[in-house]
């Protein structure tokens, strides 16, 4: 099986459409979205409906649950809070119910998928350091842990014999026995690693590989929509800054 993993689309329809166009060349595959379908971008409803049609799994992110009113957004910054309020007004009652009822975690054998740290997933803790990754490895039994949330693509391995943890710099690696893997899939709709292209992760069981792929999209159209809808201008600016 080939899995295509995306996260943090944040209402960016142009990025999502570009990713879907790219991955259709990879069929057959399972498409998993690891949360934050909405928030920040100008097309939240269209993105949700598109993923409902195209994705095999959609997990809940903190922005999804904030928009749905499941969690408070008191700790969101002013811009994120404004985006949540705007997004909520754009969604139908049915859309809000769908966001509220998306699962937090999905486990399939050796694979664990969630939006943020799998430790108390409703807390949406960030996994930012190697110590954080080590805590995740010690808390789960799966070989693979896939997350989003930070908007930063990262691949970390742990040698199960020695406990050695390393960040992997290559865009494509071969999966090995005796290792655990922590994969942050980055962001499709709002990357923050200085590369504005949408980020996609491909897990290919047959090839025994994990690969990060970047997909360019029409950023200017996305920026124009954000500005025309009266959302904070920084949400448009940061798409090209990618931070």
C-alpha atoms as a PDB file:
ATOM      1  CA  UNK A   1       0.000   0.000   0.000  1.00  0.00           C
ATOM      2  CA  UNK A   2       1.036   3.579  -0.666  1.00  0.00           C
ATOM      3  CA  UNK A   3      -0.054   6.238   1.841  1.00  0.00           C
ATOM      4  CA  UNK A   4      -0.133   9.954   1.021  1.00  0.00           C
ATOM      5  CA  UNK A   5      -0.017  12.085   4.162  1.00  0.00           C
ATOM      6  CA  UNK A   6      -0.879  15.757   4.418  1.00  0.00           C
ATOM      7  CA  UNK A   7      -1.596  18.138   7.284  1.00  0.00           C
ATOM      8  CA  UNK A   8      -2.348  21.755   8.117  1.00  0.00           C
ATOM      9  CA  UNK A   9      -4.083  22.743   4.909  1.00  0.00           C
ATOM     10  CA  UNK A  10      -5.774  25.652   6.719  1.00  0.00           C
ATOM     11  CA  UNK A  11      -8.396  26.547   4.140  1.00  0.00           C
ATOM     12  CA  UNK A  12      -5.903  26.848   1.276  1.00  0.00           C
ATOM     13  CA  UNK A  13      -7.824  25.497  -1.707  1.00  0.00           C
ATOM     14  CA  UNK A  14      -5.136  26.274  -4.281  1.00  0.00           C
ATOM     15  CA  UNK A  15      -2.552  24.250  -2.365  1.00  0.00           C
ATOM     16  CA  UNK A  16      -4.974  21.376  -1.822  1.00  0.00           C
ATOM     17  CA  UNK A  17      -5.966  21.229  -5.481  1.00  0.00           C
ATOM     18  CA  UNK A  18      -2.325  21.253  -6.572  1.00  0.00           C
ATOM     19  CA  UNK A  19      -1.522  18.413  -4.173  1.00  0.00           C
ATOM     20  CA  UNK A  20      -4.491  16.351  -5.350  1.00  0.00           C
ATOM     21  CA  UNK A  21      -3.485  16.867  -8.975  1.00  0.00           C
ATOM     22  CA  UNK A  22       0.036  15.691  -8.187  1.00  0.00           C
ATOM     23  CA  UNK A  23      -0.875  12.639  -6.133  1.00  0.00           C
ATOM     24  CA  UNK A  24      -3.396  11.288  -8.644  1.00  0.00           C
ATOM     25  CA  UNK A  25      -0.356  10.139 -10.624  1.00  0.00           C
ATOM     26  CA  UNK A  26       0.477   7.870  -7.676  1.00  0.00           C
ATOM     27  CA  UNK A  27      -2.759   5.867  -7.634  1.00  0.00           C
ATOM     28  CA  UNK A  28      -3.621   3.598  -5.956  1.00  0.00           C
ATOM     29  CA  UNK A  29      -3.062   5.175  -2.555  1.00  0.00           C
ATOM     30  CA  UNK A  30      -4.712   6.028   0.733  1.00  0.00           C
ATOM     31  CA  UNK A  31      -4.910   9.768   1.475  1.00  0.00           C
ATOM     32  CA  UNK A  32      -4.718  10.695   5.154  1.00  0.00           C
ATOM     33  CA  UNK A  33      -5.125  14.277   6.395  1.00  0.00           C
ATOM     34  CA  UNK A  34      -3.695  14.834   9.867  1.00  0.00           C
ATOM     35  CA  UNK A  35      -5.790  17.814  10.857  1.00  0.00           C
ATOM     36  CA  UNK A  36      -6.235  21.572  10.603  1.00  0.00           C
ATOM     37  CA  UNK A  37      -8.296  21.427   7.464  1.00  0.00           C
ATOM     38  CA  UNK A  38      -9.497  24.959   8.195  1.00  0.00           C
ATOM     39  CA  UNK A  39      -8.293  28.180   9.804  1.00  0.00           C
ATOM     40  CA  UNK A  40      -6.263  31.027   8.210  1.00  0.00           C
ATOM     41  CA  UNK A  41      -7.263  30.458   4.554  1.00  0.00           C
ATOM     42  CA  UNK A  42     -10.188  31.816   2.536  1.00  0.00           C
ATOM     43  CA  UNK A  43     -11.790  28.538   1.394  1.00  0.00           C
ATOM     44  CA  UNK A  44     -12.514  26.489   4.527  1.00  0.00           C
ATOM     45  CA  UNK A  45     -15.800  25.028   3.367  1.00  0.00           C
ATOM     46  CA  UNK A  46     -14.463  24.018  -0.044  1.00  0.00           C
ATOM     47  CA  UNK A  47     -11.387  22.415   1.519  1.00  0.00           C
ATOM     48  CA  UNK A  48     -13.466  20.411   3.971  1.00  0.00           C
ATOM     49  CA  UNK A  49     -15.839  19.197   1.273  1.00  0.00           C
ATOM     50  CA  UNK A  50     -12.971  18.312  -1.050  1.00  0.00           C
ATOM     51  CA  UNK A  51     -11.231  16.268   1.616  1.00  0.00           C
ATOM     52  CA  UNK A  52     -14.493  14.591   2.589  1.00  0.00           C
ATOM     53  CA  UNK A  53     -14.670  13.380  -1.005  1.00  0.00           C
ATOM     54  CA  UNK A  54     -11.008  12.564  -1.557  1.00  0.00           C
ATOM     55  CA  UNK A  55      -9.467  11.516   1.767  1.00  0.00           C
ATOM     56  CA  UNK A  56      -9.647   8.086   3.380  1.00  0.00           C
ATOM     57  CA  UNK A  57      -9.044   9.638   6.808  1.00  0.00           C
ATOM     58  CA  UNK A  58      -9.380  13.151   8.236  1.00  0.00           C
ATOM     59  CA  UNK A  59      -8.184  13.773  11.768  1.00  0.00           C
ATOM     60  CA  UNK A  60      -9.054  16.750  13.947  1.00  0.00           C
ATOM     61  CA  UNK A  61      -6.595  19.575  14.475  1.00  0.00           C
ATOM     62  CA  UNK A  62      -6.815  22.295  17.098  1.00  0.00           C
ATOM     63  CA  UNK A  63      -8.051  24.875  14.566  1.00  0.00           C
ATOM     64  CA  UNK A  64     -10.764  22.492  13.382  1.00  0.00           C
ATOM     65  CA  UNK A  65     -12.010  21.970  16.925  1.00  0.00           C
ATOM     66  CA  UNK A  66     -11.727  25.676  17.760  1.00  0.00           C
ATOM     67  CA  UNK A  67     -13.843  26.577  14.739  1.00  0.00           C
ATOM     68  CA  UNK A  68     -16.367  23.908  15.762  1.00  0.00           C
ATOM     69  CA  UNK A  69     -16.509  25.338  19.283  1.00  0.00           C
ATOM     70  CA  UNK A  70     -15.213  22.138  20.890  1.00  0.00           C
ATOM     71  CA  UNK A  71     -12.163  23.847  22.380  1.00  0.00           C
ATOM     72  CA  UNK A  72     -11.538  27.458  23.331  1.00  0.00           C
ATOM     73  CA  UNK A  73      -9.072  29.532  21.345  1.00  0.00           C
ATOM     74  CA  UNK A  74      -8.026  31.742  24.256  1.00  0.00           C
ATOM     75  CA  UNK A  75      -4.396  30.772  23.725  1.00  0.00           C
ATOM     76  CA  UNK A  76      -4.482  31.577  20.005  1.00  0.00           C
ATOM     77  CA  UNK A  77      -2.770  34.774  18.915  1.00  0.00           C
ATOM     78  CA  UNK A  78      -4.894  37.674  17.718  1.00  0.00           C
ATOM     79  CA  UNK A  79      -4.582  36.780  14.036  1.00  0.00           C
ATOM     80  CA  UNK A  80      -5.382  33.109  14.560  1.00  0.00           C
ATOM     81  CA  UNK A  81      -8.338  34.050  16.755  1.00  0.00           C
ATOM     82  CA  UNK A  82      -9.706  36.370  14.069  1.00  0.00           C
ATOM     83  CA  UNK A  83      -9.324  33.630  11.467  1.00  0.00           C
ATOM     84  CA  UNK A  84     -11.214  31.162  13.669  1.00  0.00           C
ATOM     85  CA  UNK A  85     -14.111  33.569  14.115  1.00  0.00           C
ATOM     86  CA  UNK A  86     -14.262  34.346  10.382  1.00  0.00           C
ATOM     87  CA  UNK A  87     -14.051  30.670   9.457  1.00  0.00           C
ATOM     88  CA  UNK A  88     -16.855  29.722  11.844  1.00  0.00           C
ATOM     89  CA  UNK A  89     -19.177  32.177  10.108  1.00  0.00           C
ATOM     90  CA  UNK A  90     -18.357  30.617   6.733  1.00  0.00           C
ATOM     91  CA  UNK A  91     -19.262  27.072   7.759  1.00  0.00           C
ATOM     92  CA  UNK A  92     -22.695  25.457   7.784  1.00  0.00           C
ATOM     93  CA  UNK A  93     -24.041  23.695  10.851  1.00  0.00           C
ATOM     94  CA  UNK A  94     -23.350  20.406   9.077  1.00  0.00           C
ATOM     95  CA  UNK A  95     -19.746  21.452   8.428  1.00  0.00           C
ATOM     96  CA  UNK A  96     -19.233  22.418  12.061  1.00  0.00           C
ATOM     97  CA  UNK A  97     -20.642  19.085  13.183  1.00  0.00           C
ATOM     98  CA  UNK A  98     -18.267  17.274  10.821  1.00  0.00           C
ATOM     99  CA  UNK A  99     -15.279  19.176  12.244  1.00  0.00           C
ATOM    100  CA  UNK A 100     -16.387  18.484  15.805  1.00  0.00           C
ATOM    101  CA  UNK A 101     -16.657  14.743  15.222  1.00  0.00           C
ATOM    102  CA  UNK A 102     -13.367  14.045  13.459  1.00  0.00           C
ATOM    103  CA  UNK A 103     -11.153  11.630  15.423  1.00  0.00           C
ATOM    104  CA  UNK A 104      -8.007  12.779  17.236  1.00  0.00           C
ATOM    105  CA  UNK A 105      -5.926   9.646  16.712  1.00  0.00           C
ATOM    106  CA  UNK A 106      -5.944   6.729  14.289  1.00  0.00           C
ATOM    107  CA  UNK A 107      -3.896   3.570  14.837  1.00  0.00           C
ATOM    108  CA  UNK A 108      -3.424   0.864  12.231  1.00  0.00           C
ATOM    109  CA  UNK A 109      -0.949  -1.828  13.265  1.00  0.00           C
ATOM    110  CA  UNK A 110       2.525  -0.278  13.315  1.00  0.00           C
ATOM    111  CA  UNK A 111       1.200   3.155  12.281  1.00  0.00           C
ATOM    112  CA  UNK A 112      -0.005   5.914  14.583  1.00  0.00           C
ATOM    113  CA  UNK A 113      -1.494   9.062  13.070  1.00  0.00           C
ATOM    114  CA  UNK A 114      -2.442  12.212  14.987  1.00  0.00           C
ATOM    115  CA  UNK A 115      -2.280  15.989  14.674  1.00  0.00           C
ATOM    116  CA  UNK A 116       0.054  16.922  17.520  1.00  0.00           C
ATOM    117  CA  UNK A 117       1.768  14.869  20.184  1.00  0.00           C
ATOM    118  CA  UNK A 118       0.040  11.515  20.705  1.00  0.00           C
ATOM    119  CA  UNK A 119       0.527  12.057  24.432  1.00  0.00           C
ATOM    120  CA  UNK A 120      -2.773  13.534  25.629  1.00  0.00           C
ATOM    121  CA  UNK A 121      -3.792  14.400  22.043  1.00  0.00           C
ATOM    122  CA  UNK A 122      -6.591  16.745  23.120  1.00  0.00           C
ATOM    123  CA  UNK A 123      -3.922  19.018  24.621  1.00  0.00           C
ATOM    124  CA  UNK A 124      -2.349  19.557  21.165  1.00  0.00           C
ATOM    125  CA  UNK A 125       1.180  19.654  22.504  1.00  0.00           C
ATOM    126  CA  UNK A 126       3.954  20.532  20.068  1.00  0.00           C
ATOM    127  CA  UNK A 127       6.759  18.060  19.386  1.00  0.00           C
ATOM    128  CA  UNK A 128       9.671  20.423  18.772  1.00  0.00           C
ATOM    129  CA  UNK A 129      12.810  18.922  20.301  1.00  0.00           C
ATOM    130  CA  UNK A 130      14.572  15.571  20.279  1.00  0.00           C
ATOM    131  CA  UNK A 131      13.620  15.217  23.931  1.00  0.00           C
ATOM    132  CA  UNK A 132       9.984  15.637  22.887  1.00  0.00           C
ATOM    133  CA  UNK A 133      10.439  12.948  20.233  1.00  0.00           C
ATOM    134  CA  UNK A 134      12.090  10.625  22.750  1.00  0.00           C
ATOM    135  CA  UNK A 135       9.089  11.076  25.033  1.00  0.00           C
ATOM    136  CA  UNK A 136       6.778  10.141  22.166  1.00  0.00           C
ATOM    137  CA  UNK A 137       8.819   7.032  21.314  1.00  0.00           C
ATOM    138  CA  UNK A 138       8.711   5.911  24.945  1.00  0.00           C
ATOM    139  CA  UNK A 139       4.952   6.443  25.134  1.00  0.00           C
ATOM    140  CA  UNK A 140       3.775   4.555  22.051  1.00  0.00           C
ATOM    141  CA  UNK A 141       4.172   1.006  20.823  1.00  0.00           C
ATOM    142  CA  UNK A 142       4.030   1.692  17.108  1.00  0.00           C
ATOM    143  CA  UNK A 143       7.012   1.740  14.742  1.00  0.00           C
ATOM    144  CA  UNK A 144       5.774   4.872  12.958  1.00  0.00           C
ATOM    145  CA  UNK A 145       4.283   8.074  14.363  1.00  0.00           C
ATOM    146  CA  UNK A 146       2.963  10.645  11.880  1.00  0.00           C
ATOM    147  CA  UNK A 147       1.990  14.153  13.055  1.00  0.00           C
ATOM    148  CA  UNK A 148       1.555  17.724  11.823  1.00  0.00           C
ATOM    149  CA  UNK A 149       0.848  20.868  13.882  1.00  0.00           C
ATOM    150  CA  UNK A 150       4.239  22.636  13.736  1.00  0.00           C
ATOM    151  CA  UNK A 151       4.117  23.207   9.944  1.00  0.00           C
ATOM    152  CA  UNK A 152       7.740  22.025   9.856  1.00  0.00           C
ATOM    153  CA  UNK A 153       8.604  18.817   7.980  1.00  0.00           C
ATOM    154  CA  UNK A 154      10.833  16.590  10.104  1.00  0.00           C
ATOM    155  CA  UNK A 155      11.949  12.964  10.073  1.00  0.00           C
ATOM    156  CA  UNK A 156      13.539  11.462  13.184  1.00  0.00           C
ATOM    157  CA  UNK A 157      14.702   7.874  13.684  1.00  0.00           C
ATOM    158  CA  UNK A 158      15.417   5.896  16.818  1.00  0.00           C
ATOM    159  CA  UNK A 159      17.672   2.845  16.890  1.00  0.00           C
ATOM    160  CA  UNK A 160      15.753   0.416  19.074  1.00  0.00           C
ATOM    161  CA  UNK A 161      18.967  -1.332  20.196  1.00  0.00           C
ATOM    162  CA  UNK A 162      20.943   1.707  21.287  1.00  0.00           C
ATOM    163  CA  UNK A 163      18.153   4.244  21.819  1.00  0.00           C
ATOM    164  CA  UNK A 164      20.079   6.675  19.605  1.00  0.00           C
ATOM    165  CA  UNK A 165      17.836   9.363  18.102  1.00  0.00           C
ATOM    166  CA  UNK A 166      18.799  11.224  14.938  1.00  0.00           C
ATOM    167  CA  UNK A 167      17.274  13.816  12.636  1.00  0.00           C
ATOM    168  CA  UNK A 168      17.371  12.619   9.034  1.00  0.00           C
ATOM    169  CA  UNK A 169      18.174  15.307   6.453  1.00  0.00           C
ATOM    170  CA  UNK A 170      17.413  13.358   3.265  1.00  0.00           C
ATOM    171  CA  UNK A 171      14.095  13.875   1.481  1.00  0.00           C
ATOM    172  CA  UNK A 172      13.734  10.139   0.858  1.00  0.00           C
ATOM    173  CA  UNK A 173      14.814   7.252   3.060  1.00  0.00           C
ATOM    174  CA  UNK A 174      14.567   3.472   3.077  1.00  0.00           C
ATOM    175  CA  UNK A 175      12.731   1.980   6.041  1.00  0.00           C
ATOM    176  CA  UNK A 176      14.883  -0.370   8.123  1.00  0.00           C
ATOM    177  CA  UNK A 177      14.159  -3.066  10.664  1.00  0.00           C
ATOM    178  CA  UNK A 178      15.114  -2.214  14.239  1.00  0.00           C
ATOM    179  CA  UNK A 179      14.239   1.463  13.947  1.00  0.00           C
ATOM    180  CA  UNK A 180      11.294   3.624  14.943  1.00  0.00           C
ATOM    181  CA  UNK A 181      10.246   6.636  12.886  1.00  0.00           C
ATOM    182  CA  UNK A 182       8.754   9.997  13.870  1.00  0.00           C
ATOM    183  CA  UNK A 183       7.493  11.964  10.876  1.00  0.00           C
ATOM    184  CA  UNK A 184       6.109  15.474  10.911  1.00  0.00           C
ATOM    185  CA  UNK A 185       4.403  15.878   7.549  1.00  0.00           C
ATOM    186  CA  UNK A 186       4.824  19.654   7.439  1.00  0.00           C
ATOM    187  CA  UNK A 187       2.028  21.759   5.966  1.00  0.00           C
ATOM    188  CA  UNK A 188       0.216  21.825   2.652  1.00  0.00           C
ATOM    189  CA  UNK A 189      -1.450  25.200   3.117  1.00  0.00           C
ATOM    190  CA  UNK A 190       0.961  27.229   5.231  1.00  0.00           C
ATOM    191  CA  UNK A 191       4.546  25.895   5.324  1.00  0.00           C
ATOM    192  CA  UNK A 192       6.883  27.533   7.822  1.00  0.00           C
ATOM    193  CA  UNK A 193      10.257  26.123   6.781  1.00  0.00           C
ATOM    194  CA  UNK A 194      11.095  28.942   4.318  1.00  0.00           C
ATOM    195  CA  UNK A 195       9.825  26.831   1.400  1.00  0.00           C
ATOM    196  CA  UNK A 196       6.378  28.063   0.301  1.00  0.00           C
ATOM    197  CA  UNK A 197       5.522  24.936  -1.704  1.00  0.00           C
ATOM    198  CA  UNK A 198       2.947  22.549  -0.259  1.00  0.00           C
ATOM    199  CA  UNK A 199       4.465  19.617   1.624  1.00  0.00           C
ATOM    200  CA  UNK A 200       3.391  15.998   1.112  1.00  0.00           C
ATOM    201  CA  UNK A 201       4.748  12.773   2.634  1.00  0.00           C
ATOM    202  CA  UNK A 202       4.571   9.486   0.752  1.00  0.00           C
ATOM    203  CA  UNK A 203       4.879   6.235   2.678  1.00  0.00           C
ATOM    204  CA  UNK A 204       5.367   3.397   0.189  1.00  0.00           C
ATOM    205  CA  UNK A 205       5.164  -0.015   1.806  1.00  0.00           C
ATOM    206  CA  UNK A 206       6.191  -1.884  -1.335  1.00  0.00           C
ATOM    207  CA  UNK A 207       9.273   0.292  -1.906  1.00  0.00           C
ATOM    208  CA  UNK A 208       9.849   0.433   1.876  1.00  0.00           C
ATOM    209  CA  UNK A 209      10.403   4.167   1.684  1.00  0.00           C
ATOM    210  CA  UNK A 210       9.325   7.486   3.161  1.00  0.00           C
ATOM    211  CA  UNK A 211       9.598  10.549   0.943  1.00  0.00           C
ATOM    212  CA  UNK A 212       8.952  14.275   1.393  1.00  0.00           C
ATOM    213  CA  UNK A 213       7.711  15.988  -1.778  1.00  0.00           C
ATOM    214  CA  UNK A 214       7.078  19.696  -2.351  1.00  0.00           C
ATOM    215  CA  UNK A 215       4.308  20.792  -4.710  1.00  0.00           C
ATOM    216  CA  UNK A 216       4.152  24.383  -6.037  1.00  0.00           C
ATOM    217  CA  UNK A 217       0.752  26.064  -6.253  1.00  0.00           C
ATOM    218  CA  UNK A 218      -0.875  29.373  -7.200  1.00  0.00           C
ATOM    219  CA  UNK A 219       0.061  31.420  -4.150  1.00  0.00           C
ATOM    220  CA  UNK A 220      -0.985  34.787  -5.612  1.00  0.00           C
ATOM    221  CA  UNK A 221      -4.586  33.659  -6.131  1.00  0.00           C
ATOM    222  CA  UNK A 222      -4.716  32.338  -2.587  1.00  0.00           C
ATOM    223  CA  UNK A 223      -3.326  35.629  -1.270  1.00  0.00           C
ATOM    224  CA  UNK A 224      -5.883  37.651  -3.243  1.00  0.00           C
ATOM    225  CA  UNK A 225      -8.743  35.637  -1.769  1.00  0.00           C
ATOM    226  CA  UNK A 226      -7.488  36.160   1.784  1.00  0.00           C
ATOM    227  CA  UNK A 227      -7.287  39.916   1.264  1.00  0.00           C
ATOM    228  CA  UNK A 228     -10.628  40.189  -0.535  1.00  0.00           C
ATOM    229  CA  UNK A 229     -12.391  38.413   2.339  1.00  0.00           C
ATOM    230  CA  UNK A 230     -10.991  40.862   4.868  1.00  0.00           C
ATOM    231  CA  UNK A 231      -8.815  38.381   6.704  1.00  0.00           C
ATOM    232  CA  UNK A 232      -5.611  39.740   8.308  1.00  0.00           C
ATOM    233  CA  UNK A 233      -3.103  40.696   5.613  1.00  0.00           C
ATOM    234  CA  UNK A 234      -0.305  38.819   7.379  1.00  0.00           C
ATOM    235  CA  UNK A 235      -2.051  35.554   6.510  1.00  0.00           C
ATOM    236  CA  UNK A 236      -1.465  36.395   2.845  1.00  0.00           C
ATOM    237  CA  UNK A 237       2.079  37.664   3.361  1.00  0.00           C
ATOM    238  CA  UNK A 238       3.297  34.616   5.259  1.00  0.00           C
ATOM    239  CA  UNK A 239       2.353  32.248   2.421  1.00  0.00           C
ATOM    240  CA  UNK A 240       5.248  33.488   0.332  1.00  0.00           C
ATOM    241  CA  UNK A 241       7.534  34.025   3.333  1.00  0.00           C
ATOM    242  CA  UNK A 242       6.828  30.469   4.501  1.00  0.00           C
ATOM    243  CA  UNK A 243       7.393  31.207   8.154  1.00  0.00           C
END
